[in-house]
Amino acid sequence: MTVRDLQQPRGWAFNLAVPVVKPFLLATTKRTWDGGEHIPATGGCIVVFNHISHVDPLTAAHFLYDHGRIPRYLAKSGLFKNKALGFFLRGAGQIPVERLSRNAKGAYDAAVAAVRAGECVVVYPEGTLTRDPDLWPMTGKSGAARIALETGCPVIPVGQWGAHELLPPYSKSPKLFPRKHVQMLAGPPVPLEDLVALPRTQQVINTATERIMAAITELVEEVRGGEAPAQRFDPRKAGVKLTGDPRKKEKS
């Protein structure tokens, strides 16, 4: 369901991936794309999604590709350790992130440079799959807010639902048939203009992060036809680890 043609060359990595990935997604999903007019046709921007499945980077890429943008993801650095996969990811313009390390700043700098170069950078503000028991958006991290405040670029929120039915969280076995309904709803840019000119205090960054998460949550409510919890799930307060499969208990 191509809405807008690409305005930039795909590059060799996407030339290889698109003929493989897109037919797979067309065969296994039914799609409802809404709000795509909010995605800038050109120019640097950040698109932020809620995160419900390890397959949703593919469905999110499908959504953006159909709206004429090549997505640049902040991807876990571990994916780049495989030489072949790392070569492909770099060829696709993806940005390695070493979370909880000093090298994380390198990913921030690379993302800022990509936005300033006119790229469409995708960020999952939650930082990992949501730990909310009902898959509502949980508390967010500050990466998207920091990039936006540094560049002044638009931040486009997207609420999504359905990818978790294709590949349930932490599952390695996709449920390919019957076809799953994947919904994407993009909203208008998150209002951050009043914060851009302010000093980058932690309070300003937290305010921007909260606005981003609130915008995503509102769109997810609309897509799901339900109401999110009044307070977002906070894994730190709940004592939930953000690495590995939370369903697995540690061995004593």
C-alpha atoms as a PDB file:
ATOM      1  CA  MET A   1       0.000   0.000   0.000  1.00  0.00           C
ATOM      2  CA  THR A   2       2.464   2.606  -1.203  1.00  0.00           C
ATOM      3  CA  VAL A   3       1.195   6.051  -0.224  1.00  0.00           C
ATOM      4  CA  ARG A   4       4.213   8.130  -1.255  1.00  0.00           C
ATOM      5  CA  ASP A   5       7.190   7.312  -3.481  1.00  0.00           C
ATOM      6  CA  LEU A   6      10.699   7.358  -2.046  1.00  0.00           C
ATOM      7  CA  GLN A   7      12.509  10.671  -2.352  1.00  0.00           C
ATOM      8  CA  GLN A   8      15.994   9.162  -1.926  1.00  0.00           C
ATOM      9  CA  PRO A   9      17.991   6.202  -3.285  1.00  0.00           C
ATOM     10  CA  ARG A  10      17.385   2.970  -1.388  1.00  0.00           C
ATOM     11  CA  GLY A  11      21.025   1.913  -1.264  1.00  0.00           C
ATOM     12  CA  TRP A  12      22.350  -1.617  -1.798  1.00  0.00           C
ATOM     13  CA  ALA A  13      21.195  -2.973   1.589  1.00  0.00           C
ATOM     14  CA  PHE A  14      17.581  -1.934   1.088  1.00  0.00           C
ATOM     15  CA  ASN A  15      17.734  -3.106  -2.531  1.00  0.00           C
ATOM     16  CA  LEU A  16      18.484  -6.561  -1.121  1.00  0.00           C
ATOM     17  CA  ALA A  17      16.072  -6.443   1.814  1.00  0.00           C
ATOM     18  CA  VAL A  18      12.915  -4.988   0.278  1.00  0.00           C
ATOM     19  CA  PRO A  19      12.270  -7.793  -2.289  1.00  0.00           C
ATOM     20  CA  VAL A  20      12.557 -10.330   0.566  1.00  0.00           C
ATOM     21  CA  VAL A  21      10.945  -8.625   3.560  1.00  0.00           C
ATOM     22  CA  LYS A  22       8.050  -6.785   1.917  1.00  0.00           C
ATOM     23  CA  PRO A  23       6.514  -9.877   0.214  1.00  0.00           C
ATOM     24  CA  PHE A  24       6.797 -11.735   3.547  1.00  0.00           C
ATOM     25  CA  LEU A  25       4.922  -8.975   5.353  1.00  0.00           C
ATOM     26  CA  LEU A  26       2.328  -8.707   2.594  1.00  0.00           C
ATOM     27  CA  ALA A  27       1.709 -12.453   2.865  1.00  0.00           C
ATOM     28  CA  THR A  28       1.446 -12.595   6.663  1.00  0.00           C
ATOM     29  CA  THR A  29      -0.229  -9.310   7.614  1.00  0.00           C
ATOM     30  CA  LYS A  30      -3.228  -7.162   6.839  1.00  0.00           C
ATOM     31  CA  ARG A  31      -2.397  -3.498   7.298  1.00  0.00           C
ATOM     32  CA  THR A  32      -4.195  -0.365   8.354  1.00  0.00           C
ATOM     33  CA  TRP A  33      -1.990   2.703   7.882  1.00  0.00           C
ATOM     34  CA  ASP A  34      -3.438   5.964   9.232  1.00  0.00           C
ATOM     35  CA  GLY A  35      -2.043   9.429   9.874  1.00  0.00           C
ATOM     36  CA  GLY A  36       0.745   9.088   7.327  1.00  0.00           C
ATOM     37  CA  GLU A  37       0.282  12.704   6.259  1.00  0.00           C
ATOM     38  CA  HIS A  38       2.110  13.667   9.456  1.00  0.00           C
ATOM     39  CA  ILE A  39       5.333  11.969   8.303  1.00  0.00           C
ATOM     40  CA  PRO A  40       7.512  14.576   6.565  1.00  0.00           C
ATOM     41  CA  ALA A  41       8.167  13.711   2.921  1.00  0.00           C
ATOM     42  CA  THR A  42      11.722  15.026   3.229  1.00  0.00           C
ATOM     43  CA  GLY A  43      14.047  16.455   5.843  1.00  0.00           C
ATOM     44  CA  GLY A  44      15.367  15.244   9.162  1.00  0.00           C
ATOM     45  CA  CYS A  45      12.857  13.889  11.628  1.00  0.00           C
ATOM     46  CA  ILE A  46      12.442  11.422  14.470  1.00  0.00           C
ATOM     47  CA  VAL A  47       9.636   8.856  14.410  1.00  0.00           C
ATOM     48  CA  VAL A  48       8.854   7.275  17.783  1.00  0.00           C
ATOM     49  CA  PHE A  49       6.950   3.997  18.251  1.00  0.00           C
ATOM     50  CA  ASN A  50       5.734   1.888  21.139  1.00  0.00           C
ATOM     51  CA  HIS A  51       7.544  -1.479  21.231  1.00  0.00           C
ATOM     52  CA  ILE A  52       5.520  -4.696  21.528  1.00  0.00           C
ATOM     53  CA  SER A  53       7.372  -7.344  19.486  1.00  0.00           C
ATOM     54  CA  HIS A  54      10.814  -8.121  18.126  1.00  0.00           C
ATOM     55  CA  VAL A  55       9.219  -8.099  14.663  1.00  0.00           C
ATOM     56  CA  ASP A  56       7.768  -4.602  14.909  1.00  0.00           C
ATOM     57  CA  PRO A  57      10.922  -2.919  13.553  1.00  0.00           C
ATOM     58  CA  LEU A  58      10.024  -4.677  10.277  1.00  0.00           C
ATOM     59  CA  THR A  59       6.374  -3.621  10.349  1.00  0.00           C
ATOM     60  CA  ALA A  60       7.394  -0.084  11.337  1.00  0.00           C
ATOM     61  CA  ALA A  61       9.884   0.013   8.462  1.00  0.00           C
ATOM     62  CA  HIS A  62       7.103  -1.190   6.141  1.00  0.00           C
ATOM     63  CA  PHE A  63       4.886   1.688   7.325  1.00  0.00           C
ATOM     64  CA  LEU A  64       7.602   4.301   6.781  1.00  0.00           C
ATOM     65  CA  TYR A  65       8.725   2.808   3.461  1.00  0.00           C
ATOM     66  CA  ASP A  66       5.134   2.986   2.181  1.00  0.00           C
ATOM     67  CA  HIS A  67       5.191   6.670   3.104  1.00  0.00           C
ATOM     68  CA  GLY A  68       8.376   7.372   1.170  1.00  0.00           C
ATOM     69  CA  ARG A  69      10.985   7.278   3.951  1.00  0.00           C
ATOM     70  CA  ILE A  70      13.995   5.032   4.554  1.00  0.00           C
ATOM     71  CA  PRO A  71      14.188   4.402   8.324  1.00  0.00           C
ATOM     72  CA  ARG A  72      17.453   4.663  10.245  1.00  0.00           C
ATOM     73  CA  TYR A  73      17.231   2.699  13.478  1.00  0.00           C
ATOM     74  CA  LEU A  74      19.139   2.906  16.704  1.00  0.00           C
ATOM     75  CA  ALA A  75      19.986  -0.819  16.935  1.00  0.00           C
ATOM     76  CA  LYS A  76      21.529  -2.859  19.731  1.00  0.00           C
ATOM     77  CA  SER A  77      25.294  -3.047  19.277  1.00  0.00           C
ATOM     78  CA  GLY A  78      25.251  -6.821  19.757  1.00  0.00           C
ATOM     79  CA  LEU A  79      23.620  -7.206  16.346  1.00  0.00           C
ATOM     80  CA  PHE A  80      26.705  -5.669  14.745  1.00  0.00           C
ATOM     81  CA  LYS A  81      29.087  -8.268  16.248  1.00  0.00           C
ATOM     82  CA  ASN A  82      28.121 -10.762  13.568  1.00  0.00           C
ATOM     83  CA  LYS A  83      30.343  -9.694  10.656  1.00  0.00           C
ATOM     84  CA  ALA A  84      27.810 -10.394   7.908  1.00  0.00           C
ATOM     85  CA  LEU A  85      24.848  -8.896   9.750  1.00  0.00           C
ATOM     86  CA  GLY A  86      26.921  -5.941  10.930  1.00  0.00           C
ATOM     87  CA  PHE A  87      28.056  -5.258   7.367  1.00  0.00           C
ATOM     88  CA  PHE A  88      24.439  -5.313   6.188  1.00  0.00           C
ATOM     89  CA  LEU A  89      23.162  -3.097   9.027  1.00  0.00           C
ATOM     90  CA  ARG A  90      25.856  -0.508   8.428  1.00  0.00           C
ATOM     91  CA  GLY A  91      25.093  -0.615   4.712  1.00  0.00           C
ATOM     92  CA  ALA A  92      21.463   0.121   5.593  1.00  0.00           C
ATOM     93  CA  GLY A  93      22.528   3.136   7.634  1.00  0.00           C
ATOM     94  CA  GLN A  94      21.551   1.687  10.996  1.00  0.00           C
ATOM     95  CA  ILE A  95      23.153   3.109  14.148  1.00  0.00           C
ATOM     96  CA  PRO A  96      24.698   0.797  16.796  1.00  0.00           C
ATOM     97  CA  VAL A  97      23.815   1.563  20.417  1.00  0.00           C
ATOM     98  CA  GLU A  98      25.828   0.271  23.355  1.00  0.00           C
ATOM     99  CA  ARG A  99      23.324   0.722  26.125  1.00  0.00           C
ATOM    100  CA  LEU A 100      24.485   1.483  29.666  1.00  0.00           C
ATOM    101  CA  SER A 101      27.998   2.303  28.460  1.00  0.00           C
ATOM    102  CA  ARG A 102      30.108   5.364  27.749  1.00  0.00           C
ATOM    103  CA  ASN A 103      29.889   4.528  24.052  1.00  0.00           C
ATOM    104  CA  ALA A 104      26.154   5.299  24.097  1.00  0.00           C
ATOM    105  CA  LYS A 105      27.094   8.940  23.453  1.00  0.00           C
ATOM    106  CA  GLY A 106      28.504   7.858  20.093  1.00  0.00           C
ATOM    107  CA  ALA A 107      25.048   6.625  19.097  1.00  0.00           C
ATOM    108  CA  TYR A 108      23.526   9.929  20.213  1.00  0.00           C
ATOM    109  CA  ASP A 109      26.049  11.880  18.131  1.00  0.00           C
ATOM    110  CA  ALA A 110      25.415   9.621  15.128  1.00  0.00           C
ATOM    111  CA  ALA A 111      21.648  10.048  15.453  1.00  0.00           C
ATOM    112  CA  VAL A 112      21.980  13.833  15.691  1.00  0.00           C
ATOM    113  CA  ALA A 113      24.209  13.822  12.591  1.00  0.00           C
ATOM    114  CA  ALA A 114      21.707  11.633  10.714  1.00  0.00           C
ATOM    115  CA  VAL A 115      18.808  13.962  11.519  1.00  0.00           C
ATOM    116  CA  ARG A 116      20.835  16.990  10.467  1.00  0.00           C
ATOM    117  CA  ALA A 117      21.656  15.192   7.212  1.00  0.00           C
ATOM    118  CA  GLY A 118      17.931  14.888   6.489  1.00  0.00           C
ATOM    119  CA  GLU A 119      17.406  11.285   7.574  1.00  0.00           C
ATOM    120  CA  CYS A 120      14.343   9.712   9.190  1.00  0.00           C
ATOM    121  CA  VAL A 121      15.578   8.283  12.500  1.00  0.00           C
ATOM    122  CA  VAL A 122      13.406   5.730  14.319  1.00  0.00           C
ATOM    123  CA  VAL A 123      13.538   5.576  18.109  1.00  0.00           C
ATOM    124  CA  TYR A 124      11.733   3.321  20.556  1.00  0.00           C
ATOM    125  CA  PRO A 125      11.627   5.598  23.621  1.00  0.00           C
ATOM    126  CA  GLU A 126      10.943   2.673  25.947  1.00  0.00           C
ATOM    127  CA  GLY A 127      14.373   1.315  25.016  1.00  0.00           C
ATOM    128  CA  THR A 128      13.167  -2.289  24.861  1.00  0.00           C
ATOM    129  CA  LEU A 129       9.958  -4.297  24.620  1.00  0.00           C
ATOM    130  CA  THR A 130       7.354  -2.969  27.012  1.00  0.00           C
ATOM    131  CA  ARG A 131       7.206  -4.807  30.328  1.00  0.00           C
ATOM    132  CA  ASP A 132       3.643  -3.670  30.971  1.00  0.00           C
ATOM    133  CA  PRO A 133       1.572  -6.851  31.525  1.00  0.00           C
ATOM    134  CA  ASP A 134      -1.025  -5.691  28.982  1.00  0.00           C
ATOM    135  CA  LEU A 135       1.537  -4.301  26.518  1.00  0.00           C
ATOM    136  CA  TRP A 136       0.704  -0.639  27.098  1.00  0.00           C
ATOM    137  CA  PRO A 137       3.601   1.807  26.662  1.00  0.00           C
ATOM    138  CA  MET A 138       5.778   1.943  29.773  1.00  0.00           C
ATOM    139  CA  THR A 139       7.964   4.778  31.034  1.00  0.00           C
ATOM    140  CA  GLY A 140      10.303   6.203  28.431  1.00  0.00           C
ATOM    141  CA  LYS A 141      14.000   6.921  28.224  1.00  0.00           C
ATOM    142  CA  SER A 142      15.361  10.304  27.223  1.00  0.00           C
ATOM    143  CA  GLY A 143      17.193   9.519  23.950  1.00  0.00           C
ATOM    144  CA  ALA A 144      14.510  10.744  21.537  1.00  0.00           C
ATOM    145  CA  ALA A 145      13.943  13.885  23.605  1.00  0.00           C
ATOM    146  CA  ARG A 146      17.657  14.697  23.720  1.00  0.00           C
ATOM    147  CA  ILE A 147      18.041  14.285  19.949  1.00  0.00           C
ATOM    148  CA  ALA A 148      14.963  16.408  19.299  1.00  0.00           C
ATOM    149  CA  LEU A 149      16.038  19.197  21.650  1.00  0.00           C
ATOM    150  CA  GLU A 150      19.512  19.255  20.093  1.00  0.00           C
ATOM    151  CA  THR A 151      18.309  19.362  16.475  1.00  0.00           C
ATOM    152  CA  GLY A 152      14.921  21.052  16.739  1.00  0.00           C
ATOM    153  CA  CYS A 153      13.544  18.440  14.332  1.00  0.00           C
ATOM    154  CA  PRO A 154       9.912  17.255  14.371  1.00  0.00           C
ATOM    155  CA  VAL A 155       9.120  14.200  16.502  1.00  0.00           C
ATOM    156  CA  ILE A 156       6.324  12.147  14.931  1.00  0.00           C
ATOM    157  CA  PRO A 157       4.572   9.756  17.353  1.00  0.00           C
ATOM    158  CA  VAL A 158       3.151   6.458  16.096  1.00  0.00           C
ATOM    159  CA  GLY A 159       0.907   4.102  18.020  1.00  0.00           C
ATOM    160  CA  GLN A 160       0.986   0.547  16.738  1.00  0.00           C
ATOM    161  CA  TRP A 161      -0.809  -2.697  17.503  1.00  0.00           C
ATOM    162  CA  GLY A 162      -0.877  -6.212  16.037  1.00  0.00           C
ATOM    163  CA  ALA A 163       2.784  -7.079  15.488  1.00  0.00           C
ATOM    164  CA  HIS A 164       2.765  -9.020  18.775  1.00  0.00           C
ATOM    165  CA  GLU A 165       0.267 -11.443  17.242  1.00  0.00           C
ATOM    166  CA  LEU A 166       2.718 -12.207  14.429  1.00  0.00           C
ATOM    167  CA  LEU A 167       5.576 -12.717  16.883  1.00  0.00           C
ATOM    168  CA  PRO A 168       4.608 -12.690  20.580  1.00  0.00           C
ATOM    169  CA  PRO A 169       7.019 -10.907  22.940  1.00  0.00           C
ATOM    170  CA  TYR A 170      10.181 -12.980  23.577  1.00  0.00           C
ATOM    171  CA  SER A 171       8.927 -15.789  21.351  1.00  0.00           C
ATOM    172  CA  LYS A 172      11.146 -17.284  18.667  1.00  0.00           C
ATOM    173  CA  SER A 173       8.235 -18.910  16.841  1.00  0.00           C
ATOM    174  CA  PRO A 174       6.195 -16.595  14.598  1.00  0.00           C
ATOM    175  CA  LYS A 175       2.494 -17.271  14.095  1.00  0.00           C
ATOM    176  CA  LEU A 176       2.292 -16.682  10.377  1.00  0.00           C
ATOM    177  CA  PHE A 177      -1.284 -17.736   9.602  1.00  0.00           C
ATOM    178  CA  PRO A 178      -3.976 -16.607   9.527  1.00  0.00           C
ATOM    179  CA  ARG A 179      -2.726 -13.183   8.485  1.00  0.00           C
ATOM    180  CA  LYS A 180      -2.420 -10.758  11.379  1.00  0.00           C
ATOM    181  CA  HIS A 181      -3.903  -7.270  11.385  1.00  0.00           C
ATOM    182  CA  VAL A 182      -1.163  -4.681  11.955  1.00  0.00           C
ATOM    183  CA  GLN A 183      -2.312  -1.141  12.669  1.00  0.00           C
ATOM    184  CA  MET A 184      -0.196   2.023  12.597  1.00  0.00           C
ATOM    185  CA  LEU A 185      -1.520   5.443  13.536  1.00  0.00           C
ATOM    186  CA  ALA A 186       0.784   8.467  13.212  1.00  0.00           C
ATOM    187  CA  GLY A 187      -0.021  11.706  14.968  1.00  0.00           C
ATOM    188  CA  PRO A 188       1.043  15.332  14.562  1.00  0.00           C
ATOM    189  CA  PRO A 189       4.507  16.369  15.774  1.00  0.00           C
ATOM    190  CA  VAL A 190       4.947  16.379  19.547  1.00  0.00           C
ATOM    191  CA  PRO A 191       4.944  20.030  20.701  1.00  0.00           C
ATOM    192  CA  LEU A 192       8.484  20.686  21.895  1.00  0.00           C
ATOM    193  CA  GLU A 193       9.138  24.143  20.456  1.00  0.00           C
ATOM    194  CA  ASP A 194       8.900  25.858  23.846  1.00  0.00           C
ATOM    195  CA  LEU A 195      11.596  23.549  25.243  1.00  0.00           C
ATOM    196  CA  VAL A 196      14.181  23.754  22.447  1.00  0.00           C
ATOM    197  CA  ALA A 197      15.531  27.155  23.465  1.00  0.00           C
ATOM    198  CA  LEU A 198      15.707  26.339  27.174  1.00  0.00           C
ATOM    199  CA  PRO A 199      18.852  25.110  28.959  1.00  0.00           C
ATOM    200  CA  ARG A 200      19.111  21.296  28.789  1.00  0.00           C
ATOM    201  CA  THR A 201      18.298  20.683  32.427  1.00  0.00           C
ATOM    202  CA  GLN A 202      17.088  17.276  33.537  1.00  0.00           C
ATOM    203  CA  GLN A 203      13.658  18.784  34.155  1.00  0.00           C
ATOM    204  CA  VAL A 204      13.435  20.024  30.548  1.00  0.00           C
ATOM    205  CA  ILE A 205      14.546  16.636  29.205  1.00  0.00           C
ATOM    206  CA  ASN A 206      12.062  14.820  31.448  1.00  0.00           C
ATOM    207  CA  THR A 207       9.261  17.115  30.299  1.00  0.00           C
ATOM    208  CA  ALA A 208      10.067  16.426  26.642  1.00  0.00           C
ATOM    209  CA  THR A 209      10.242  12.683  27.299  1.00  0.00           C
ATOM    210  CA  GLU A 210       6.887  12.717  29.072  1.00  0.00           C
ATOM    211  CA  ARG A 211       5.253  14.618  26.205  1.00  0.00           C
ATOM    212  CA  ILE A 212       6.602  12.057  23.724  1.00  0.00           C
ATOM    213  CA  MET A 213       5.334   9.102  25.755  1.00  0.00           C
ATOM    214  CA  ALA A 214       1.958  10.775  26.319  1.00  0.00           C
ATOM    215  CA  ALA A 215       1.534  11.310  22.565  1.00  0.00           C
ATOM    216  CA  ILE A 216       2.404   7.676  21.789  1.00  0.00           C
ATOM    217  CA  THR A 217       0.100   6.369  24.521  1.00  0.00           C
ATOM    218  CA  GLU A 218      -2.832   8.439  23.271  1.00  0.00           C
ATOM    219  CA  LEU A 219      -2.394   6.982  19.774  1.00  0.00           C
ATOM    220  CA  VAL A 220      -2.117   3.424  21.129  1.00  0.00           C
ATOM    221  CA  GLU A 221      -5.381   3.980  23.039  1.00  0.00           C
ATOM    222  CA  GLU A 222      -7.052   5.024  19.795  1.00  0.00           C
ATOM    223  CA  VAL A 223      -5.680   2.055  17.856  1.00  0.00           C
ATOM    224  CA  ARG A 224      -6.605  -0.448  20.568  1.00  0.00           C
ATOM    225  CA  GLY A 225      -9.940   1.142  21.411  1.00  0.00           C
ATOM    226  CA  GLY A 226      -9.100   1.051  25.102  1.00  0.00           C
ATOM    227  CA  GLU A 227      -7.758   3.125  27.947  1.00  0.00           C
ATOM    228  CA  ALA A 228      -4.178   2.882  29.164  1.00  0.00           C
ATOM    229  CA  PRO A 229      -3.427   2.721  32.897  1.00  0.00           C
ATOM    230  CA  ALA A 230      -3.482   6.117  34.582  1.00  0.00           C
ATOM    231  CA  GLN A 231       0.168   5.624  35.524  1.00  0.00           C
ATOM    232  CA  ARG A 232       2.642   4.116  33.086  1.00  0.00           C
ATOM    233  CA  PHE A 233       4.399   0.929  34.150  1.00  0.00           C
ATOM    234  CA  ASP A 234       7.833   1.704  35.555  1.00  0.00           C
ATOM    235  CA  PRO A 235      10.149  -1.349  35.443  1.00  0.00           C
ATOM    236  CA  ARG A 236      12.568   0.218  37.931  1.00  0.00           C
ATOM    237  CA  LYS A 237       9.893   0.668  40.571  1.00  0.00           C
ATOM    238  CA  ALA A 238       8.563  -2.807  39.826  1.00  0.00           C
ATOM    239  CA  GLY A 239      12.037  -4.339  40.107  1.00  0.00           C
ATOM    240  CA  VAL A 240      11.845  -5.731  36.564  1.00  0.00           C
ATOM    241  CA  LYS A 241      15.057  -6.255  34.597  1.00  0.00           C
ATOM    242  CA  LEU A 242      15.308  -4.683  31.152  1.00  0.00           C
ATOM    243  CA  THR A 243      17.689  -7.309  29.765  1.00  0.00           C
ATOM    244  CA  GLY A 244      16.792 -10.823  28.703  1.00  0.00           C
ATOM    245  CA  ASP A 245      13.402 -12.508  28.891  1.00  0.00           C
ATOM    246  CA  PRO A 246      11.568 -11.334  32.044  1.00  0.00           C
ATOM    247  CA  ARG A 247       9.535 -14.553  32.046  1.00  0.00           C
ATOM    248  CA  LYS A 248      12.638 -16.575  32.913  1.00  0.00           C
ATOM    249  CA  LYS A 249      13.457 -16.823  36.587  1.00  0.00           C
ATOM    250  CA  GLU A 250      17.039 -16.539  37.710  1.00  0.00           C
ATOM    251  CA  LYS A 251      18.666 -19.729  38.939  1.00  0.00           C
ATOM    252  CA  SER A 252      19.462 -19.697  42.632  1.00  0.00           C
END
